[in-house]
All heavy atoms as atom14 arrays in JSON, in Angstrom:
{
  "sequence": "LNQKKLEANQLEFDLREITLQQRFMKLENEK",
  "atom14_mask": [
    [1, 1, 1, 1, 1, 1, 1, 1, 0, 0, 0, 0, 0, 0],
    [1, 1, 1, 1, 1, 1, 1, 1, 0, 0, 0, 0, 0, 0],
    [1, 1, 1, 1, 1, 1, 1, 1, 1, 0, 0, 0, 0, 0],
    [1, 1, 1, 1, 1, 1, 1, 1, 1, 0, 0, 0, 0, 0],
    [1, 1, 1, 1, 1, 1, 1, 1, 1, 0, 0, 0, 0, 0],
    [1, 1, 1, 1, 1, 1, 1, 1, 0, 0, 0, 0, 0, 0],
    [1, 1, 1, 1, 1, 1, 1, 1, 1, 0, 0, 0, 0, 0],
    [1, 1, 1, 1, 1, 0, 0, 0, 0, 0, 0, 0, 0, 0],
    [1, 1, 1, 1, 1, 1, 1, 1, 0, 0, 0, 0, 0, 0],
    [1, 1, 1, 1, 1, 1, 1, 1, 1, 0, 0, 0, 0, 0],
    [1, 1, 1, 1, 1, 1, 1, 1, 0, 0, 0, 0, 0, 0],
    [1, 1, 1, 1, 1, 1, 1, 1, 1, 0, 0, 0, 0, 0],
    [1, 1, 1, 1, 1, 1, 1, 1, 1, 1, 1, 0, 0, 0],
    [1, 1, 1, 1, 1, 1, 1, 1, 0, 0, 0, 0, 0, 0],
    [1, 1, 1, 1, 1, 1, 1, 1, 0, 0, 0, 0, 0, 0],
    [1, 1, 1, 1, 1, 1, 1, 1, 1, 1, 1, 0, 0, 0],
    [1, 1, 1, 1, 1, 1, 1, 1, 1, 0, 0, 0, 0, 0],
    [1, 1, 1, 1, 1, 1, 1, 1, 0, 0, 0, 0, 0, 0],
    [1, 1, 1, 1, 1, 1, 1, 0, 0, 0, 0, 0, 0, 0],
    [1, 1, 1, 1, 1, 1, 1, 1, 0, 0, 0, 0, 0, 0],
    [1, 1, 1, 1, 1, 1, 1, 1, 1, 0, 0, 0, 0, 0],
    [1, 1, 1, 1, 1, 1, 1, 1, 1, 0, 0, 0, 0, 0],
    [1, 1, 1, 1, 1, 1, 1, 1, 1, 1, 1, 0, 0, 0],
    [1, 1, 1, 1, 1, 1, 1, 1, 1, 1, 1, 0, 0, 0],
    [1, 1, 1, 1, 1, 1, 1, 1, 0, 0, 0, 0, 0, 0],
    [1, 1, 1, 1, 1, 1, 1, 1, 1, 0, 0, 0, 0, 0],
    [1, 1, 1, 1, 1, 1, 1, 1, 0, 0, 0, 0, 0, 0],
    [1, 1, 1, 1, 1, 1, 1, 1, 1, 0, 0, 0, 0, 0],
    [1, 1, 1, 1, 1, 1, 1, 1, 0, 0, 0, 0, 0, 0],
    [1, 1, 1, 1, 1, 1, 1, 1, 1, 0, 0, 0, 0, 0],
    [1, 1, 1, 1, 1, 1, 1, 1, 1, 0, 0, 0, 0, 0]
  ],
  "atom14_positions": [
    [[141.93, 91.38, 178.43], [140.59, 90.92, 178.08], [139.65, 90.98, 179.28], [138.5, 91.38, 179.16], [140.67, 89.49, 177.54], [139.36, 88.85, 177.07], [138.77, 89.67, 175.92], [139.59, 87.42, 176.62], [0.0, 0.0, 0.0], [0.0, 0.0, 0.0], [0.0, 0.0, 0.0], [0.0, 0.0, 0.0], [0.0, 0.0, 0.0], [0.0, 0.0, 0.0]],
    [[140.19, 90.57, 180.47], [139.37, 90.65, 181.68], [139.0, 92.1, 182.0], [137.87, 92.4, 182.4], [140.11, 90.03, 182.86], [140.28, 88.54, 182.69], [139.49, 87.88, 182.01], [141.31, 87.97, 183.3], [0.0, 0.0, 0.0], [0.0, 0.0, 0.0], [0.0, 0.0, 0.0], [0.0, 0.0, 0.0], [0.0, 0.0, 0.0], [0.0, 0.0, 0.0]],
    [[140.0, 93.0, 181.81], [139.73, 94.41, 182.05], [138.67, 94.92, 181.08], [137.76, 95.67, 181.45], [141.02, 95.22, 181.9], [140.87, 96.7, 182.2], [140.5, 96.97, 183.65], [140.86, 96.21, 184.53], [139.77, 98.04, 183.89], [0.0, 0.0, 0.0], [0.0, 0.0, 0.0], [0.0, 0.0, 0.0], [0.0, 0.0, 0.0], [0.0, 0.0, 0.0]],
    [[138.78, 94.49, 179.83], [137.79, 94.91, 178.84], [136.42, 94.31, 179.15], [135.39, 94.95, 178.9], [138.25, 94.49, 177.44], [139.43, 95.31, 176.93], [139.83, 94.89, 175.54], [141.0, 95.74, 175.04], [141.43, 95.34, 173.67], [0.0, 0.0, 0.0], [0.0, 0.0, 0.0], [0.0, 0.0, 0.0], [0.0, 0.0, 0.0], [0.0, 0.0, 0.0]],
    [[136.42, 93.08, 179.7], [135.15, 92.49, 180.1], [134.5, 93.3, 181.22], [133.28, 93.54, 181.2], [135.37, 91.05, 180.55], [135.59, 90.07, 179.41], [135.71, 88.65, 179.93], [135.89, 87.67, 178.78], [136.02, 86.27, 179.27], [0.0, 0.0, 0.0], [0.0, 0.0, 0.0], [0.0, 0.0, 0.0], [0.0, 0.0, 0.0], [0.0, 0.0, 0.0]],
    [[135.36, 93.71, 182.21], [134.82, 94.56, 183.27], [134.28, 95.87, 182.71], [133.2, 96.33, 183.09], [135.91, 94.83, 184.31], [136.39, 93.62, 185.13], [137.54, 94.02, 186.04], [135.24, 93.04, 185.96], [0.0, 0.0, 0.0], [0.0, 0.0, 0.0], [0.0, 0.0, 0.0], [0.0, 0.0, 0.0], [0.0, 0.0, 0.0], [0.0, 0.0, 0.0]],
    [[135.05, 96.46, 181.8], [134.59, 97.7, 181.18], [133.31, 97.46, 180.38], [132.4, 98.3, 180.38], [135.69, 98.26, 180.28], [136.92, 98.73, 181.04], [138.02, 99.19, 180.1], [137.81, 99.08, 178.87], [139.07, 99.64, 180.59], [0.0, 0.0, 0.0], [0.0, 0.0, 0.0], [0.0, 0.0, 0.0], [0.0, 0.0, 0.0], [0.0, 0.0, 0.0]],
    [[133.25, 96.29, 179.71], [132.05, 95.98, 178.94], [130.85, 95.79, 179.86], [129.74, 96.23, 179.55], [132.28, 94.73, 178.09], [0.0, 0.0, 0.0], [0.0, 0.0, 0.0], [0.0, 0.0, 0.0], [0.0, 0.0, 0.0], [0.0, 0.0, 0.0], [0.0, 0.0, 0.0], [0.0, 0.0, 0.0], [0.0, 0.0, 0.0], [0.0, 0.0, 0.0]],
    [[131.1, 95.1, 181.0], [130.01, 94.92, 181.96], [129.54, 96.25, 182.52], [128.33, 96.48, 182.69], [130.47, 94.0, 183.1], [130.7, 92.58, 182.63], [130.11, 92.14, 181.64], [131.56, 91.85, 183.32], [0.0, 0.0, 0.0], [0.0, 0.0, 0.0], [0.0, 0.0, 0.0], [0.0, 0.0, 0.0], [0.0, 0.0, 0.0], [0.0, 0.0, 0.0]],
    [[130.53, 97.12, 182.85], [130.17, 98.44, 183.35], [129.4, 99.22, 182.29], [128.41, 99.9, 182.58], [131.44, 99.2, 183.75], [131.18, 100.58, 184.33], [130.38, 100.52, 185.63], [130.55, 99.62, 186.43], [129.51, 101.5, 185.85], [0.0, 0.0, 0.0], [0.0, 0.0, 0.0], [0.0, 0.0, 0.0], [0.0, 0.0, 0.0], [0.0, 0.0, 0.0]],
    [[129.88, 99.1, 181.05], [129.19, 99.79, 179.95], [127.78, 99.23, 179.76], [126.83, 99.99, 179.54], [130.0, 99.62, 178.67], [129.43, 100.31, 177.42], [129.32, 101.81, 177.63], [130.3, 100.0, 176.2], [0.0, 0.0, 0.0], [0.0, 0.0, 0.0], [0.0, 0.0, 0.0], [0.0, 0.0, 0.0], [0.0, 0.0, 0.0], [0.0, 0.0, 0.0]],
    [[127.65, 97.9, 179.9], [126.34, 97.29, 179.77], [125.41, 97.78, 180.89], [124.23, 98.07, 180.65], [126.47, 95.77, 179.82], [125.15, 95.04, 179.63], [125.33, 93.54, 179.66], [126.47, 93.08, 179.85], [124.32, 92.82, 179.51], [0.0, 0.0, 0.0], [0.0, 0.0, 0.0], [0.0, 0.0, 0.0], [0.0, 0.0, 0.0], [0.0, 0.0, 0.0]],
    [[125.99, 97.86, 182.11], [125.2, 98.38, 183.23], [124.78, 99.82, 182.98], [123.62, 100.2, 183.22], [126.01, 98.28, 184.52], [125.32, 98.85, 185.72], [124.32, 98.14, 186.38], [125.67, 100.11, 186.2], [123.67, 98.68, 187.49], [125.03, 100.66, 187.3], [124.03, 99.93, 187.95], [0.0, 0.0, 0.0], [0.0, 0.0, 0.0], [0.0, 0.0, 0.0]],
    [[125.74, 100.61, 182.48], [125.42, 102.01, 182.18], [124.36, 102.11, 181.09], [123.45, 102.96, 181.15], [126.68, 102.76, 181.74], [127.69, 102.89, 182.88], [127.28, 102.74, 184.05], [128.88, 103.11, 182.59], [0.0, 0.0, 0.0], [0.0, 0.0, 0.0], [0.0, 0.0, 0.0], [0.0, 0.0, 0.0], [0.0, 0.0, 0.0], [0.0, 0.0, 0.0]],
    [[124.49, 101.22, 180.09], [123.5, 101.23, 179.01], [122.11, 100.86, 179.54], [121.11, 101.44, 179.12], [123.92, 100.26, 177.91], [125.11, 100.7, 177.05], [125.51, 99.6, 176.08], [124.78, 101.98, 176.29], [0.0, 0.0, 0.0], [0.0, 0.0, 0.0], [0.0, 0.0, 0.0], [0.0, 0.0, 0.0], [0.0, 0.0, 0.0], [0.0, 0.0, 0.0]],
    [[122.1, 99.87, 180.45], [120.8, 99.5, 181.04], [120.22, 100.66, 181.83], [119.01, 100.94, 181.75], [120.97, 98.29, 181.95], [121.24, 96.98, 181.19], [121.39, 95.83, 182.15], [121.62, 94.58, 181.43], [121.83, 93.41, 182.04], [121.82, 93.34, 183.38], [122.04, 92.32, 181.33], [0.0, 0.0, 0.0], [0.0, 0.0, 0.0], [0.0, 0.0, 0.0]],
    [[121.12, 101.33, 182.59], [120.66, 102.47, 183.37], [120.15, 103.58, 182.44], [119.1, 104.2, 182.69], [121.79, 102.99, 184.25], [121.37, 104.11, 185.2], [122.5, 104.55, 186.1], [123.59, 103.96, 185.99], [122.28, 105.45, 186.91], [0.0, 0.0, 0.0], [0.0, 0.0, 0.0], [0.0, 0.0, 0.0], [0.0, 0.0, 0.0], [0.0, 0.0, 0.0]],
    [[120.89, 103.81, 181.35], [120.46, 104.83, 180.4], [119.13, 104.42, 179.76], [118.24, 105.26, 179.54], [121.54, 105.04, 179.32], [122.79, 105.69, 179.95], [121.02, 105.88, 178.17], [123.96, 105.77, 179.02], [0.0, 0.0, 0.0], [0.0, 0.0, 0.0], [0.0, 0.0, 0.0], [0.0, 0.0, 0.0], [0.0, 0.0, 0.0], [0.0, 0.0, 0.0]],
    [[119.0, 103.11, 179.48], [117.74, 102.62, 178.89], [116.58, 102.86, 179.83], [115.49, 103.3, 179.42], [117.87, 101.13, 178.56], [118.98, 100.93, 177.68], [116.6, 100.62, 177.9], [0.0, 0.0, 0.0], [0.0, 0.0, 0.0], [0.0, 0.0, 0.0], [0.0, 0.0, 0.0], [0.0, 0.0, 0.0], [0.0, 0.0, 0.0], [0.0, 0.0, 0.0]],
    [[116.82, 102.54, 181.15], [115.77, 102.78, 182.13], [115.44, 104.27, 182.23], [114.26, 104.65, 182.32], [116.2, 102.24, 183.5], [116.31, 100.71, 183.61], [116.84, 100.32, 184.98], [114.96, 100.05, 183.35], [0.0, 0.0, 0.0], [0.0, 0.0, 0.0], [0.0, 0.0, 0.0], [0.0, 0.0, 0.0], [0.0, 0.0, 0.0], [0.0, 0.0, 0.0]],
    [[116.51, 105.09, 182.21], [116.28, 106.53, 182.25], [115.5, 106.99, 181.02], [114.6, 107.85, 181.13], [117.6, 107.27, 182.34], [118.31, 107.09, 183.68], [119.65, 107.82, 183.71], [120.1, 108.35, 182.7], [120.29, 107.81, 184.87], [0.0, 0.0, 0.0], [0.0, 0.0, 0.0], [0.0, 0.0, 0.0], [0.0, 0.0, 0.0], [0.0, 0.0, 0.0]],
    [[115.85, 106.41, 179.88], [115.12, 106.79, 178.67], [113.66, 106.37, 178.75], [112.77, 107.1, 178.31], [115.8, 106.14, 177.46], [117.15, 106.76, 177.1], [117.81, 106.07, 175.94], [117.43, 104.96, 175.57], [118.81, 106.72, 175.36], [0.0, 0.0, 0.0], [0.0, 0.0, 0.0], [0.0, 0.0, 0.0], [0.0, 0.0, 0.0], [0.0, 0.0, 0.0]],
    [[113.46, 105.15, 179.31], [112.07, 104.72, 179.48], [111.32, 105.64, 180.44], [110.16, 106.0, 180.2], [112.04, 103.28, 180.01], [112.5, 102.25, 178.98], [112.43, 100.85, 179.57], [112.88, 99.86, 178.59], [112.98, 98.56, 178.87], [112.66, 98.12, 180.09], [113.39, 97.73, 177.94], [0.0, 0.0, 0.0], [0.0, 0.0, 0.0], [0.0, 0.0, 0.0]],
    [[112.01, 105.99, 181.54], [111.38, 106.9, 182.51], [111.09, 108.24, 181.85], [110.0, 108.82, 182.04], [112.3, 107.07, 183.72], [111.77, 108.03, 184.74], [110.74, 107.66, 185.6], [112.29, 109.32, 184.85], [110.25, 108.55, 186.53], [111.81, 110.21, 185.78], [110.78, 109.82, 186.63], [0.0, 0.0, 0.0], [0.0, 0.0, 0.0], [0.0, 0.0, 0.0]],
    [[112.1, 108.74, 181.08], [111.89, 110.01, 180.4], [110.77, 109.9, 179.37], [110.0, 110.86, 179.16], [113.19, 110.45, 179.72], [114.29, 110.84, 180.7], [115.84, 111.27, 179.87], [115.32, 112.69, 178.94], [0.0, 0.0, 0.0], [0.0, 0.0, 0.0], [0.0, 0.0, 0.0], [0.0, 0.0, 0.0], [0.0, 0.0, 0.0], [0.0, 0.0, 0.0]],
    [[110.67, 108.72, 178.75], [109.6, 108.54, 177.79], [108.24, 108.6, 178.47], [107.3, 109.24, 177.97], [109.79, 107.19, 177.09], [108.78, 106.93, 175.99], [109.07, 105.61, 175.31], [108.05, 105.33, 174.21], [108.31, 104.02, 173.54], [0.0, 0.0, 0.0], [0.0, 0.0, 0.0], [0.0, 0.0, 0.0], [0.0, 0.0, 0.0], [0.0, 0.0, 0.0]],
    [[108.17, 107.91, 179.65], [106.93, 107.97, 180.41], [106.62, 109.4, 180.85], [105.47, 109.85, 180.8], [107.01, 107.03, 181.62], [107.09, 105.53, 181.31], [107.28, 104.74, 182.59], [105.82, 105.07, 180.58], [0.0, 0.0, 0.0], [0.0, 0.0, 0.0], [0.0, 0.0, 0.0], [0.0, 0.0, 0.0], [0.0, 0.0, 0.0], [0.0, 0.0, 0.0]],
    [[107.7, 110.1, 181.32], [107.51, 111.49, 181.72], [107.04, 112.34, 180.55], [106.15, 113.19, 180.68], [108.82, 112.05, 182.29], [109.19, 111.52, 183.66], [108.24, 112.03, 184.74], [107.77, 113.17, 184.62], [107.94, 111.27, 185.68], [0.0, 0.0, 0.0], [0.0, 0.0, 0.0], [0.0, 0.0, 0.0], [0.0, 0.0, 0.0], [0.0, 0.0, 0.0]],
    [[107.68, 112.08, 179.39], [107.27, 112.84, 178.2], [105.82, 112.54, 177.82], [105.06, 113.44, 177.42], [108.19, 112.52, 177.02], [109.58, 113.08, 177.22], [109.75, 114.08, 177.92], [110.57, 112.46, 176.6], [0.0, 0.0, 0.0], [0.0, 0.0, 0.0], [0.0, 0.0, 0.0], [0.0, 0.0, 0.0], [0.0, 0.0, 0.0], [0.0, 0.0, 0.0]],
    [[105.47, 111.24, 177.93], [104.08, 110.89, 177.64], [103.12, 111.57, 178.61], [102.04, 112.06, 178.22], [103.91, 109.37, 177.7], [104.63, 108.63, 176.58], [104.51, 107.13, 176.7], [103.96, 106.67, 177.74], [104.95, 106.42, 175.78], [0.0, 0.0, 0.0], [0.0, 0.0, 0.0], [0.0, 0.0, 0.0], [0.0, 0.0, 0.0], [0.0, 0.0, 0.0]],
    [[103.56, 111.59, 179.91], [102.73, 112.27, 180.9], [102.62, 113.75, 180.6], [101.52, 114.35, 180.66], [103.33, 112.06, 182.29], [102.51, 112.68, 183.41], [103.16, 112.41, 184.76], [102.37, 113.07, 185.89], [103.03, 112.84, 187.21], [0.0, 0.0, 0.0], [0.0, 0.0, 0.0], [0.0, 0.0, 0.0], [0.0, 0.0, 0.0], [0.0, 0.0, 0.0]]
  ]
}
């Protein structure tokens, strides 16, 4: 469970990073 929590945290971090990238790409696309 702890390992899965770490993986979940890493996945959450990756998702946040992907979200930021998507936002950046959205801004770039808008530009």
